[in-house]
Amino acid sequence: MQEICRQSVHSLSEEEVDTLEKDREIIVCALCNHHITEPENRIMVDGSYDYVFANPHGMVFEIGCFSHARGCKIASISSTEFSWFAGFAWQIVVCRYCSTHLGWFFSAGDSRFYGLILDKLIFL
């Protein structure tokens, strides 16, 4: 599945520039360039790294699955309604810096992962 990226007009922070100078790949918020996660945190969930889903309102999202996303914060209560992954509850996650909706945190018992909207991320 192709990764979808959107370029941001915002500049990188000093911390992110230092990270890039060390040749470490990172994934940032497309709106503010805040460090969200790293490519090595991508994981397979039910046999795939990426999914395309539609919510009950018909909005289509292409998400990537990640084990960690320290640049995100949870912004809603947990719900099991309309979950895209059977048996998992979900919570909305946003960028810790600019509060842009970046995806969802899915949890079921000890299993947890982030489903991040790929067109709201930039892979550097």
Protein backbone atom coordinates (compact mmCIF):
# COMPACT_ATOMS: atom_id res chain seq x y z
CA MET A 1 0.00 0.00 0.00
CA GLN A 2 1.39 3.42 -0.92
CA GLU A 3 2.20 5.85 1.87
CA ILE A 4 0.37 9.14 1.42
CA CYS A 5 2.20 12.25 2.54
CA ARG A 6 1.35 15.94 2.51
CA GLN A 7 4.05 18.57 2.73
CA SER A 8 3.82 21.16 5.48
CA VAL A 9 4.63 24.85 5.17
CA HIS A 10 5.98 24.92 8.72
CA SER A 11 9.67 24.62 9.56
CA LEU A 12 11.22 21.92 11.74
CA SER A 13 12.07 22.54 15.39
CA GLU A 14 15.71 22.50 16.52
CA GLU A 15 15.14 19.09 18.14
CA GLU A 16 13.82 17.63 14.88
CA VAL A 17 16.72 19.10 12.90
CA ASP A 18 19.17 17.52 15.37
CA THR A 19 17.39 14.19 14.92
CA LEU A 20 17.60 14.44 11.12
CA GLU A 21 21.29 15.33 11.27
CA LYS A 22 21.87 12.00 13.00
CA ASP A 23 20.41 10.23 9.91
CA ARG A 24 17.51 8.85 11.91
CA GLU A 25 14.21 8.64 10.07
CA ILE A 26 11.20 10.10 11.85
CA ILE A 27 7.51 10.64 11.20
CA VAL A 28 6.08 14.09 11.92
CA CYS A 29 2.69 15.80 11.97
CA ALA A 30 1.97 17.24 8.50
CA LEU A 31 0.50 20.41 10.02
CA CYS A 32 3.15 21.43 12.59
CA ASN A 33 6.11 19.05 12.01
CA HIS A 34 5.98 17.77 15.61
CA HIS A 35 7.77 14.41 16.00
CA ILE A 36 5.05 11.72 16.21
CA THR A 37 6.81 8.35 15.88
CA GLU A 38 9.45 6.42 13.92
CA PRO A 39 9.13 4.05 10.94
CA GLU A 40 10.46 1.15 13.02
CA ASN A 41 7.30 1.39 15.16
CA ARG A 42 5.10 0.23 12.25
CA ILE A 43 3.50 -3.10 13.06
CA MET A 44 1.27 -5.66 11.40
CA VAL A 45 -2.24 -5.96 12.79
CA ASP A 46 -4.33 -8.84 11.46
CA GLY A 47 -1.79 -9.41 8.67
CA SER A 48 -1.35 -5.85 7.35
CA TYR A 49 0.54 -2.64 8.16
CA ASP A 50 -2.03 -0.36 6.46
CA TYR A 51 -5.81 -0.27 6.13
CA VAL A 52 -8.46 1.79 4.37
CA PHE A 53 -11.70 2.27 6.34
CA ALA A 54 -14.83 4.39 6.14
CA ASN A 55 -16.50 5.73 9.25
CA PRO A 56 -20.31 5.74 9.70
CA HIS A 57 -20.44 9.21 8.05
CA GLY A 58 -18.76 7.92 4.89
CA MET A 59 -15.38 9.58 5.52
CA VAL A 60 -12.56 7.37 4.22
CA PHE A 61 -9.28 7.04 6.11
CA GLU A 62 -6.06 5.28 5.15
CA ILE A 63 -4.32 4.37 8.39
CA GLY A 64 -1.00 2.82 9.30
CA CYS A 65 -0.54 0.70 12.44
CA PHE A 66 2.13 1.69 14.98
CA SER A 67 3.16 0.19 18.32
CA HIS A 68 4.14 3.59 19.77
CA ALA A 69 3.38 7.21 18.95
CA ARG A 70 4.82 9.39 21.72
CA GLY A 71 3.92 12.54 19.78
CA CYS A 72 0.21 11.73 20.16
CA LYS A 73 -2.12 12.18 23.10
CA ILE A 74 -5.50 10.58 23.73
CA ALA A 75 -8.38 13.05 23.33
CA SER A 76 -11.57 11.04 23.91
CA ILE A 77 -13.16 8.41 26.07
CA SER A 78 -12.95 4.78 25.01
CA SER A 79 -15.65 3.35 22.72
CA THR A 80 -16.36 0.02 21.07
CA GLU A 81 -19.01 1.43 18.70
CA PHE A 82 -18.14 1.00 15.01
CA SER A 83 -14.65 -0.32 15.82
CA TRP A 84 -12.65 -1.21 12.71
CA PHE A 85 -10.89 -4.00 14.62
CA ALA A 86 -13.11 -6.69 16.17
CA GLY A 87 -12.84 -6.80 19.95
CA PHE A 88 -10.92 -3.51 20.17
CA ALA A 89 -12.06 -0.28 21.79
CA TRP A 90 -10.84 2.97 20.25
CA GLN A 91 -9.98 6.48 21.39
CA ILE A 92 -9.22 9.54 19.27
CA VAL A 93 -5.57 10.66 19.28
CA VAL A 94 -4.27 14.11 18.41
CA CYS A 95 -0.86 15.71 17.94
CA ARG A 96 0.58 16.69 21.34
CA TYR A 97 1.72 20.03 19.90
CA CYS A 98 -1.08 21.35 17.64
CA SER A 99 -4.02 19.04 18.57
CA THR A 100 -4.65 17.95 14.95
CA HIS A 101 -6.63 14.71 14.79
CA LEU A 102 -4.05 12.08 13.77
CA GLY A 103 -5.99 8.84 14.28
CA TRP A 104 -7.03 6.41 16.97
CA PHE A 105 -5.57 4.35 19.81
CA PHE A 106 -6.96 0.80 19.78
CA SER A 107 -6.93 -1.47 22.85
CA ALA A 108 -8.18 -4.93 23.79
CA GLY A 109 -6.77 -6.40 26.99
CA ASP A 110 -2.98 -6.36 26.68
CA SER A 111 -3.09 -5.63 22.92
CA ARG A 112 -2.64 -1.96 22.03
CA PHE A 113 -1.69 0.01 18.92
CA TYR A 114 -2.13 3.32 17.15
CA GLY A 115 -3.96 3.61 13.84
CA LEU A 116 -2.57 6.85 12.38
CA ILE A 117 -4.01 8.65 9.35
CA LEU A 118 -1.23 8.46 6.77
CA ASP A 119 -2.08 11.66 4.89
CA LYS A 120 -1.71 13.61 8.16
CA LEU A 121 1.90 12.44 8.54
CA ILE A 122 5.18 13.22 6.82
CA PHE A 123 7.79 10.47 6.60
CA LEU A 124 11.25 12.09 6.81
